[in-house]
Amino acid sequence: MKHKSAVETELKLRIPATGPYRGLLQALGFREVSAAQAEVSVLWDREGHLRAAGSALRTRSYAGQSRLTWKGPKVPDPILKIRPEHETGIEDATALEAILRALGYAPVLRMEKVRAVWERAELEACLDETPFGCYLELEGDPQAIRAAMEGLGLAPDRAETRSYPELYQAHGLG
């Protein structure tokens, strides 16, 4: 498994549909590592403390695996989302849920989307289909993100600075 940086740097871009971007990603040297499939994420909190601190605790099930992720407060940036992040695999999701509940955490938001994951050396690209539209996420080095955005013909005005939890709540979902 590839070790990820303790700081997540990503850009989420609004796109009209995911289909046309598969060929564009391939032309830019990306390879599909996980075909489009359902992803379920749940945010956990304890009396709103994590949200008040600008942090998040998430469990995610995708591609036959479950993961636990903590995300810290965002670093200010006009279009990139930059924040501390630590993530690990979950062997037994039911046991982890019981542990979180025993520690006083409760699920506060459930999100579902269809995601395909593409990679190249310095970047990960995710094509996401959500109940409120399609998005392309680019994660990795900031310069590589900007170069890929340009190579895909996507202007900065397509950037979506809100997180998926914020978008779910803005659309009355979750």
N, C-alpha and C. Protein backbone atom coordinates (compact mmCIF):
# COMPACT_ATOMS: atom_id res chain seq x y z
N MET A 1 0.84 -1.18 0.00
CA MET A 1 0.00 0.00 0.00
C MET A 1 0.88 1.24 0.00
N LYS A 2 0.50 2.20 -0.80
CA LYS A 2 1.23 3.45 -0.93
C LYS A 2 0.99 4.33 0.30
N HIS A 3 2.06 4.87 0.89
CA HIS A 3 1.93 5.77 2.03
C HIS A 3 1.52 7.15 1.54
N LYS A 4 0.50 7.70 2.15
CA LYS A 4 0.05 9.03 1.78
C LYS A 4 0.63 10.05 2.74
N SER A 5 0.79 11.25 2.25
CA SER A 5 1.27 12.36 3.05
C SER A 5 0.30 12.62 4.20
N ALA A 6 0.80 13.17 5.31
CA ALA A 6 -0.05 13.53 6.44
C ALA A 6 -0.83 14.81 6.17
N VAL A 7 -0.62 15.41 5.01
CA VAL A 7 -1.37 16.60 4.60
C VAL A 7 -2.03 16.29 3.25
N GLU A 8 -3.35 16.42 3.23
CA GLU A 8 -4.10 16.21 2.00
C GLU A 8 -4.19 17.53 1.24
N THR A 9 -3.87 17.49 -0.04
CA THR A 9 -4.03 18.65 -0.91
C THR A 9 -4.84 18.19 -2.10
N GLU A 10 -6.03 18.79 -2.27
CA GLU A 10 -6.90 18.36 -3.36
C GLU A 10 -7.68 19.52 -3.93
N LEU A 11 -8.22 19.27 -5.10
CA LEU A 11 -9.07 20.23 -5.79
C LEU A 11 -10.27 19.47 -6.32
N LYS A 12 -11.45 19.97 -6.01
CA LYS A 12 -12.70 19.38 -6.51
C LYS A 12 -13.25 20.30 -7.60
N LEU A 13 -13.55 19.71 -8.76
CA LEU A 13 -14.04 20.48 -9.90
C LEU A 13 -15.41 19.96 -10.34
N ARG A 14 -16.34 20.87 -10.58
CA ARG A 14 -17.65 20.50 -11.10
C ARG A 14 -17.50 20.14 -12.58
N ILE A 15 -18.06 18.99 -12.97
CA ILE A 15 -18.04 18.57 -14.38
C ILE A 15 -19.45 18.15 -14.77
N PRO A 16 -19.79 18.25 -16.06
CA PRO A 16 -21.16 17.91 -16.48
C PRO A 16 -21.45 16.41 -16.41
N ALA A 17 -20.45 15.56 -16.63
CA ALA A 17 -20.60 14.11 -16.59
C ALA A 17 -19.21 13.49 -16.45
N THR A 18 -19.14 12.29 -15.92
CA THR A 18 -17.84 11.65 -15.72
C THR A 18 -17.30 10.99 -16.99
N GLY A 19 -18.18 10.49 -17.84
CA GLY A 19 -17.79 9.73 -19.03
C GLY A 19 -16.71 10.36 -19.88
N PRO A 20 -16.87 11.61 -20.30
CA PRO A 20 -15.88 12.23 -21.18
C PRO A 20 -14.49 12.36 -20.54
N TYR A 21 -14.41 12.36 -19.22
CA TYR A 21 -13.13 12.58 -18.55
C TYR A 21 -12.28 11.31 -18.44
N ARG A 22 -12.88 10.15 -18.68
CA ARG A 22 -12.09 8.91 -18.64
C ARG A 22 -11.00 8.95 -19.71
N GLY A 23 -11.38 9.25 -20.94
CA GLY A 23 -10.41 9.33 -22.03
C GLY A 23 -9.40 10.45 -21.83
N LEU A 24 -9.86 11.57 -21.30
CA LEU A 24 -8.96 12.70 -21.05
C LEU A 24 -7.92 12.35 -19.99
N LEU A 25 -8.36 11.66 -18.93
CA LEU A 25 -7.41 11.24 -17.90
C LEU A 25 -6.38 10.27 -18.47
N GLN A 26 -6.86 9.34 -19.27
CA GLN A 26 -5.95 8.37 -19.88
C GLN A 26 -4.93 9.08 -20.77
N ALA A 27 -5.39 10.07 -21.53
CA ALA A 27 -4.49 10.81 -22.41
C ALA A 27 -3.43 11.59 -21.62
N LEU A 28 -3.72 11.91 -20.38
CA LEU A 28 -2.77 12.63 -19.52
C LEU A 28 -1.89 11.67 -18.71
N GLY A 29 -1.96 10.38 -19.01
CA GLY A 29 -1.09 9.41 -18.35
C GLY A 29 -1.66 8.76 -17.11
N PHE A 30 -2.92 8.99 -16.81
CA PHE A 30 -3.55 8.32 -15.67
C PHE A 30 -3.98 6.91 -16.09
N ARG A 31 -4.01 6.00 -15.11
CA ARG A 31 -4.57 4.68 -15.36
C ARG A 31 -5.64 4.41 -14.30
N GLU A 32 -6.70 3.76 -14.73
CA GLU A 32 -7.79 3.47 -13.81
C GLU A 32 -7.37 2.34 -12.87
N VAL A 33 -7.44 2.60 -11.57
CA VAL A 33 -7.06 1.59 -10.58
C VAL A 33 -8.26 1.00 -9.87
N SER A 34 -9.40 1.67 -9.97
CA SER A 34 -10.64 1.16 -9.39
C SER A 34 -11.80 1.67 -10.23
N ALA A 35 -12.50 0.73 -10.88
CA ALA A 35 -13.64 1.08 -11.73
C ALA A 35 -14.75 1.70 -10.89
N ALA A 36 -15.63 2.43 -11.55
CA ALA A 36 -16.74 3.10 -10.87
C ALA A 36 -17.55 2.10 -10.04
N GLN A 37 -17.71 2.43 -8.76
CA GLN A 37 -18.51 1.60 -7.87
C GLN A 37 -18.97 2.42 -6.69
N ALA A 38 -19.94 1.88 -5.96
CA ALA A 38 -20.55 2.60 -4.84
C ALA A 38 -19.56 2.81 -3.70
N GLU A 39 -19.66 3.98 -3.10
CA GLU A 39 -18.89 4.32 -1.91
C GLU A 39 -19.86 4.85 -0.87
N VAL A 40 -19.73 4.38 0.36
CA VAL A 40 -20.55 4.88 1.46
C VAL A 40 -19.61 5.43 2.53
N SER A 41 -19.83 6.68 2.90
CA SER A 41 -19.03 7.33 3.94
C SER A 41 -19.96 7.79 5.05
N VAL A 42 -19.48 7.68 6.28
CA VAL A 42 -20.25 8.14 7.44
C VAL A 42 -19.34 9.04 8.27
N LEU A 43 -19.85 10.24 8.58
CA LEU A 43 -19.14 11.14 9.49
C LEU A 43 -19.61 10.88 10.91
N TRP A 44 -18.66 10.87 11.82
CA TRP A 44 -18.92 10.63 13.23
C TRP A 44 -18.52 11.88 14.02
N ASP A 45 -19.26 12.15 15.09
CA ASP A 45 -18.90 13.27 15.96
C ASP A 45 -19.39 12.97 17.37
N ARG A 46 -18.86 13.72 18.31
CA ARG A 46 -19.26 13.60 19.71
C ARG A 46 -19.67 14.98 20.18
N GLU A 47 -20.97 15.19 20.28
CA GLU A 47 -21.54 16.47 20.73
C GLU A 47 -21.07 17.65 19.90
N GLY A 48 -20.75 17.42 18.63
CA GLY A 48 -20.36 18.49 17.72
C GLY A 48 -18.95 19.00 17.91
N HIS A 49 -18.16 18.35 18.76
CA HIS A 49 -16.80 18.84 19.06
C HIS A 49 -15.89 18.84 17.84
N LEU A 50 -15.93 17.77 17.04
CA LEU A 50 -15.06 17.71 15.87
C LEU A 50 -15.43 18.80 14.86
N ARG A 51 -16.71 18.92 14.60
CA ARG A 51 -17.15 19.95 13.64
C ARG A 51 -16.76 21.35 14.11
N ALA A 52 -16.95 21.61 15.40
CA ALA A 52 -16.61 22.93 15.95
C ALA A 52 -15.11 23.22 15.80
N ALA A 53 -14.29 22.17 15.81
CA ALA A 53 -12.84 22.34 15.67
C ALA A 53 -12.40 22.34 14.21
N GLY A 54 -13.37 22.20 13.28
CA GLY A 54 -13.03 22.16 11.86
C GLY A 54 -12.45 20.82 11.44
N SER A 55 -12.67 19.79 12.24
CA SER A 55 -12.14 18.46 11.97
C SER A 55 -13.26 17.51 11.60
N ALA A 56 -12.88 16.33 11.13
CA ALA A 56 -13.87 15.32 10.76
C ALA A 56 -13.31 13.93 11.03
N LEU A 57 -14.18 13.02 11.41
CA LEU A 57 -13.84 11.61 11.59
C LEU A 57 -14.80 10.84 10.67
N ARG A 58 -14.20 10.09 9.73
CA ARG A 58 -15.02 9.44 8.70
C ARG A 58 -14.69 7.94 8.62
N THR A 59 -15.73 7.14 8.46
CA THR A 59 -15.55 5.76 8.05
C THR A 59 -16.02 5.68 6.60
N ARG A 60 -15.29 4.89 5.81
CA ARG A 60 -15.61 4.80 4.38
C ARG A 60 -15.52 3.34 3.95
N SER A 61 -16.52 2.90 3.18
CA SER A 61 -16.51 1.58 2.57
C SER A 61 -16.49 1.76 1.06
N TYR A 62 -15.47 1.17 0.43
CA TYR A 62 -15.30 1.33 -1.02
C TYR A 62 -14.40 0.21 -1.53
N ALA A 63 -14.76 -0.35 -2.65
CA ALA A 63 -13.93 -1.36 -3.33
C ALA A 63 -13.58 -2.52 -2.40
N GLY A 64 -14.56 -2.94 -1.60
CA GLY A 64 -14.35 -4.08 -0.73
C GLY A 64 -13.50 -3.82 0.49
N GLN A 65 -13.18 -2.56 0.76
CA GLN A 65 -12.36 -2.20 1.91
C GLN A 65 -13.06 -1.14 2.75
N SER A 66 -12.71 -1.09 4.02
CA SER A 66 -13.20 -0.05 4.91
C SER A 66 -12.01 0.70 5.49
N ARG A 67 -12.18 2.02 5.66
CA ARG A 67 -11.09 2.86 6.15
C ARG A 67 -11.64 3.85 7.17
N LEU A 68 -10.76 4.25 8.09
CA LEU A 68 -11.07 5.28 9.07
C LEU A 68 -10.15 6.46 8.78
N THR A 69 -10.72 7.66 8.71
CA THR A 69 -9.95 8.86 8.38
C THR A 69 -10.27 9.98 9.36
N TRP A 70 -9.22 10.63 9.85
CA TRP A 70 -9.37 11.88 10.60
C TRP A 70 -8.83 12.99 9.72
N LYS A 71 -9.59 14.08 9.61
CA LYS A 71 -9.16 15.26 8.87
C LYS A 71 -9.18 16.45 9.82
N GLY A 72 -8.09 17.21 9.78
CA GLY A 72 -7.99 18.40 10.62
C GLY A 72 -8.52 19.63 9.93
N PRO A 73 -8.40 20.77 10.58
CA PRO A 73 -8.90 22.04 10.01
C PRO A 73 -8.22 22.38 8.69
N LYS A 74 -8.98 23.03 7.81
CA LYS A 74 -8.48 23.43 6.49
C LYS A 74 -7.48 24.57 6.62
N VAL A 75 -6.48 24.55 5.74
CA VAL A 75 -5.53 25.64 5.60
C VAL A 75 -6.11 26.59 4.55
N PRO A 76 -6.17 27.89 4.81
CA PRO A 76 -6.77 28.79 3.83
C PRO A 76 -6.08 28.74 2.47
N ASP A 77 -6.87 28.62 1.41
CA ASP A 77 -6.39 28.63 0.03
C ASP A 77 -7.59 28.98 -0.84
N PRO A 78 -7.39 29.76 -1.92
CA PRO A 78 -8.54 30.19 -2.73
C PRO A 78 -9.27 29.04 -3.44
N ILE A 79 -8.57 27.99 -3.90
CA ILE A 79 -9.29 26.91 -4.58
C ILE A 79 -8.90 25.52 -4.10
N LEU A 80 -7.69 25.36 -3.56
CA LEU A 80 -7.27 24.04 -3.10
C LEU A 80 -7.80 23.77 -1.70
N LYS A 81 -8.09 22.51 -1.42
CA LYS A 81 -8.44 22.10 -0.07
C LYS A 81 -7.20 21.44 0.51
N ILE A 82 -6.64 22.08 1.54
CA ILE A 82 -5.41 21.60 2.17
C ILE A 82 -5.72 21.40 3.66
N ARG A 83 -5.47 20.18 4.14
CA ARG A 83 -5.72 19.92 5.56
C ARG A 83 -4.96 18.69 6.02
N PRO A 84 -4.63 18.63 7.33
CA PRO A 84 -3.99 17.43 7.85
C PRO A 84 -4.95 16.24 7.71
N GLU A 85 -4.37 15.08 7.45
CA GLU A 85 -5.21 13.88 7.29
C GLU A 85 -4.41 12.65 7.72
N HIS A 86 -5.06 11.78 8.47
CA HIS A 86 -4.50 10.48 8.84
C HIS A 86 -5.56 9.43 8.54
N GLU A 87 -5.14 8.34 7.91
CA GLU A 87 -6.09 7.32 7.47
C GLU A 87 -5.49 5.93 7.68
N THR A 88 -6.36 4.98 8.02
CA THR A 88 -5.91 3.60 8.17
C THR A 88 -7.03 2.64 7.78
N GLY A 89 -6.63 1.44 7.44
CA GLY A 89 -7.60 0.41 7.10
C GLY A 89 -8.35 -0.09 8.33
N ILE A 90 -9.54 -0.61 8.09
CA ILE A 90 -10.37 -1.17 9.15
C ILE A 90 -10.55 -2.65 8.83
N GLU A 91 -10.17 -3.50 9.77
CA GLU A 91 -10.35 -4.94 9.56
C GLU A 91 -11.80 -5.36 9.79
N ASP A 92 -12.44 -4.78 10.81
CA ASP A 92 -13.81 -5.17 11.17
C ASP A 92 -14.63 -3.89 11.40
N ALA A 93 -15.39 -3.50 10.38
CA ALA A 93 -16.14 -2.24 10.45
C ALA A 93 -17.19 -2.26 11.55
N THR A 94 -17.81 -3.40 11.80
CA THR A 94 -18.83 -3.50 12.85
C THR A 94 -18.20 -3.28 14.22
N ALA A 95 -17.02 -3.87 14.44
CA ALA A 95 -16.32 -3.68 15.72
C ALA A 95 -15.90 -2.23 15.89
N LEU A 96 -15.41 -1.61 14.82
CA LEU A 96 -15.00 -0.21 14.93
C LEU A 96 -16.21 0.67 15.27
N GLU A 97 -17.34 0.42 14.63
CA GLU A 97 -18.54 1.20 14.94
C GLU A 97 -18.90 1.05 16.42
N ALA A 98 -18.81 -0.14 16.95
CA ALA A 98 -19.10 -0.36 18.37
C ALA A 98 -18.11 0.41 19.25
N ILE A 99 -16.85 0.43 18.87
CA ILE A 99 -15.83 1.17 19.63
C ILE A 99 -16.14 2.67 19.60
N LEU A 100 -16.45 3.19 18.40
CA LEU A 100 -16.76 4.62 18.30
C LEU A 100 -17.97 4.98 19.17
N ARG A 101 -19.01 4.15 19.12
CA ARG A 101 -20.20 4.42 19.95
C ARG A 101 -19.86 4.36 21.44
N ALA A 102 -19.03 3.38 21.84
CA ALA A 102 -18.63 3.26 23.24
C ALA A 102 -17.85 4.48 23.71
N LEU A 103 -17.14 5.13 22.78
CA LEU A 103 -16.38 6.34 23.10
C LEU A 103 -17.24 7.61 23.04
N GLY A 104 -18.53 7.45 22.75
CA GLY A 104 -19.44 8.59 22.74
C GLY A 104 -19.65 9.22 21.37
N TYR A 105 -19.11 8.61 20.32
CA TYR A 105 -19.31 9.13 18.98
C TYR A 105 -20.61 8.59 18.40
N ALA A 106 -21.22 9.37 17.54
CA ALA A 106 -22.45 8.95 16.86
C ALA A 106 -22.35 9.35 15.39
N PRO A 107 -22.99 8.59 14.52
CA PRO A 107 -23.00 8.99 13.10
C PRO A 107 -23.85 10.25 12.94
N VAL A 108 -23.30 11.23 12.20
CA VAL A 108 -24.03 12.49 12.01
C VAL A 108 -24.37 12.76 10.55
N LEU A 109 -23.74 12.06 9.62
CA LEU A 109 -24.02 12.26 8.21
C LEU A 109 -23.60 11.03 7.42
N ARG A 110 -24.50 10.51 6.60
CA ARG A 110 -24.20 9.37 5.72
C ARG A 110 -24.22 9.89 4.29
N MET A 111 -23.17 9.56 3.53
CA MET A 111 -23.05 10.05 2.15
C MET A 111 -22.80 8.85 1.22
N GLU A 112 -23.45 8.89 0.07
CA GLU A 112 -23.25 7.85 -0.93
C GLU A 112 -22.93 8.49 -2.26
N LYS A 113 -22.00 7.86 -2.99
CA LYS A 113 -21.66 8.32 -4.33
C LYS A 113 -21.10 7.13 -5.10
N VAL A 114 -20.94 7.33 -6.39
CA VAL A 114 -20.25 6.35 -7.22
C VAL A 114 -18.91 6.97 -7.58
N ARG A 115 -17.82 6.20 -7.36
CA ARG A 115 -16.48 6.75 -7.54
C ARG A 115 -15.63 5.79 -8.38
N ALA A 116 -14.86 6.37 -9.31
CA ALA A 116 -13.80 5.65 -10.03
C ALA A 116 -12.50 6.34 -9.68
N VAL A 117 -11.45 5.56 -9.44
CA VAL A 117 -10.16 6.12 -9.04
C VAL A 117 -9.14 5.87 -10.14
N TRP A 118 -8.42 6.95 -10.48
CA TRP A 118 -7.36 6.92 -11.49
C TRP A 118 -6.09 7.43 -10.83
N GLU A 119 -4.94 6.95 -11.28
CA GLU A 119 -3.66 7.41 -10.71
C GLU A 119 -2.61 7.58 -11.78
N ARG A 120 -1.68 8.48 -11.48
CA ARG A 120 -0.39 8.55 -12.16
C ARG A 120 0.61 8.91 -11.07
N ALA A 121 1.87 8.97 -11.42
CA ALA A 121 2.93 9.06 -10.40
C ALA A 121 2.65 10.09 -9.30
N GLU A 122 2.30 11.30 -9.65
CA GLU A 122 2.21 12.36 -8.64
C GLU A 122 0.79 12.77 -8.28
N LEU A 123 -0.20 12.10 -8.87
CA LEU A 123 -1.60 12.52 -8.65
C LEU A 123 -2.55 11.34 -8.58
N GLU A 124 -3.62 11.56 -7.83
CA GLU A 124 -4.78 10.67 -7.86
C GLU A 124 -5.94 11.49 -8.39
N ALA A 125 -6.75 10.89 -9.25
CA ALA A 125 -7.94 11.55 -9.78
C ALA A 125 -9.15 10.67 -9.47
N CYS A 126 -10.21 11.28 -8.98
CA CYS A 126 -11.44 10.54 -8.69
C CYS A 126 -12.57 11.15 -9.49
N LEU A 127 -13.29 10.30 -10.21
CA LEU A 127 -14.50 10.72 -10.91
C LEU A 127 -15.68 10.32 -10.04
N ASP A 128 -16.42 11.31 -9.56
CA ASP A 128 -17.50 11.07 -8.60
C ASP A 128 -18.85 11.46 -9.18
N GLU A 129 -19.82 10.58 -8.98
CA GLU A 129 -21.22 10.86 -9.33
C GLU A 129 -21.99 10.89 -8.02
N THR A 130 -22.55 12.06 -7.70
CA THR A 130 -23.27 12.26 -6.45
C THR A 130 -24.74 12.55 -6.76
N PRO A 131 -25.59 12.56 -5.75
CA PRO A 131 -27.00 12.91 -6.00
C PRO A 131 -27.20 14.34 -6.49
N PHE A 132 -26.17 15.20 -6.37
CA PHE A 132 -26.30 16.60 -6.76
C PHE A 132 -25.33 17.00 -7.86
N GLY A 133 -24.76 16.03 -8.58
CA GLY A 133 -23.90 16.35 -9.71
C GLY A 133 -22.63 15.54 -9.76
N CYS A 134 -21.84 15.80 -10.78
CA CYS A 134 -20.59 15.07 -11.01
C CYS A 134 -19.39 15.96 -10.70
N TYR A 135 -18.33 15.32 -10.20
CA TYR A 135 -17.13 16.05 -9.79
C TYR A 135 -15.89 15.25 -10.17
N LEU A 136 -14.82 15.98 -10.40
CA LEU A 136 -13.50 15.39 -10.60
C LEU A 136 -12.63 15.93 -9.48
N GLU A 137 -12.06 15.03 -8.67
CA GLU A 137 -11.13 15.44 -7.63
C GLU A 137 -9.72 15.08 -8.05
N LEU A 138 -8.82 16.01 -7.86
CA LEU A 138 -7.40 15.80 -8.10
C LEU A 138 -6.68 15.96 -6.77
N GLU A 139 -5.88 14.96 -6.38
CA GLU A 139 -5.18 15.01 -5.11
C GLU A 139 -3.70 14.73 -5.31
N GLY A 140 -2.86 15.57 -4.70
CA GLY A 140 -1.41 15.39 -4.80
C GLY A 140 -0.70 16.73 -4.70
N ASP A 141 0.39 16.84 -5.43
CA ASP A 141 1.20 18.05 -5.45
C ASP A 141 0.42 19.22 -6.06
N PRO A 142 0.42 20.40 -5.42
CA PRO A 142 -0.35 21.54 -5.94
C PRO A 142 -0.02 21.91 -7.39
N GLN A 143 1.26 21.89 -7.75
CA GLN A 143 1.64 22.24 -9.14
C GLN A 143 1.10 21.19 -10.11
N ALA A 144 1.18 19.92 -9.73
CA ALA A 144 0.67 18.84 -10.58
C ALA A 144 -0.85 18.94 -10.71
N ILE A 145 -1.52 19.34 -9.65
CA ILE A 145 -2.97 19.52 -9.70
C ILE A 145 -3.32 20.61 -10.72
N ARG A 146 -2.63 21.75 -10.62
CA ARG A 146 -2.92 22.86 -11.55
C ARG A 146 -2.61 22.48 -13.00
N ALA A 147 -1.52 21.76 -13.21
CA ALA A 147 -1.16 21.32 -14.57
C ALA A 147 -2.20 20.35 -15.12
N ALA A 148 -2.67 19.43 -14.29
CA ALA A 148 -3.69 18.47 -14.75
C ALA A 148 -5.00 19.18 -15.04
N MET A 149 -5.36 20.14 -14.20
CA MET A 149 -6.58 20.91 -14.43
C MET A 149 -6.51 21.59 -15.80
N GLU A 150 -5.38 22.20 -16.08
CA GLU A 150 -5.18 22.86 -17.38
C GLU A 150 -5.23 21.84 -18.52
N GLY A 151 -4.55 20.70 -18.34
CA GLY A 151 -4.53 19.65 -19.36
C GLY A 151 -5.91 19.07 -19.64
N LEU A 152 -6.78 19.11 -18.63
CA LEU A 152 -8.15 18.63 -18.81
C LEU A 152 -9.08 19.71 -19.36
N GLY A 153 -8.54 20.92 -19.55
CA GLY A 153 -9.35 22.01 -20.08
C GLY A 153 -10.36 22.56 -19.09
N LEU A 154 -10.05 22.44 -17.81
CA LEU A 154 -10.97 22.92 -16.78
C LEU A 154 -10.46 24.23 -16.19
N ALA A 155 -11.29 25.24 -16.22
CA ALA A 155 -10.95 26.57 -15.71
C ALA A 155 -11.12 26.61 -14.19
N PRO A 156 -10.40 27.51 -13.52
CA PRO A 156 -10.51 27.63 -12.06
C PRO A 156 -11.94 27.92 -11.58
N ASP A 157 -12.78 28.51 -12.44
CA ASP A 157 -14.15 28.80 -11.99
C ASP A 157 -15.00 27.53 -11.82
N ARG A 158 -14.47 26.38 -12.21
CA ARG A 158 -15.17 25.10 -11.99
C ARG A 158 -14.85 24.52 -10.62
N ALA A 159 -13.92 25.15 -9.89
CA ALA A 159 -13.53 24.65 -8.57
C ALA A 159 -14.71 24.74 -7.61
N GLU A 160 -14.89 23.67 -6.84
CA GLU A 160 -15.91 23.62 -5.79
C GLU A 160 -15.15 23.58 -4.46
N THR A 161 -15.23 24.66 -3.71
CA THR A 161 -14.46 24.74 -2.47
C THR A 161 -15.16 24.08 -1.29
N ARG A 162 -16.45 23.77 -1.44
CA ARG A 162 -17.16 23.10 -0.35
C ARG A 162 -16.82 21.61 -0.34
N SER A 163 -16.78 21.04 0.84
CA SER A 163 -16.54 19.60 1.00
C SER A 163 -17.81 18.84 0.64
N TYR A 164 -17.67 17.52 0.46
CA TYR A 164 -18.88 16.72 0.21
C TYR A 164 -19.87 16.82 1.37
N PRO A 165 -19.44 16.78 2.64
CA PRO A 165 -20.43 16.97 3.70
C PRO A 165 -21.18 18.31 3.59
N GLU A 166 -20.46 19.38 3.25
CA GLU A 166 -21.11 20.68 3.09
C GLU A 166 -22.10 20.64 1.92
N LEU A 167 -21.73 19.98 0.83
CA LEU A 167 -22.62 19.88 -0.33
C LEU A 167 -23.86 19.03 -0.01
N TYR A 168 -23.66 17.93 0.70
CA TYR A 168 -24.81 17.10 1.10
C TYR A 168 -25.79 17.91 1.94
N GLN A 169 -25.26 18.66 2.91
CA GLN A 169 -26.12 19.45 3.76
C GLN A 169 -26.78 20.59 3.00
N ALA A 170 -26.05 21.22 2.07
CA ALA A 170 -26.63 22.31 1.27
C ALA A 170 -27.78 21.82 0.39
N HIS A 171 -27.74 20.54 0.01
CA HIS A 171 -28.80 19.96 -0.82
C HIS A 171 -29.84 19.21 0.01
N GLY A 172 -29.79 19.36 1.33
CA GLY A 172 -30.78 18.73 2.21
C GLY A 172 -30.70 17.22 2.25
N LEU A 173 -29.50 16.67 2.02
CA LEU A 173 -29.32 15.21 2.00
C LEU A 173 -28.50 14.76 3.20
N GLY A 174 -28.56 13.48 3.48
CA GLY A 174 -27.74 12.90 4.54
C GLY A 174 -28.50 12.80 5.79
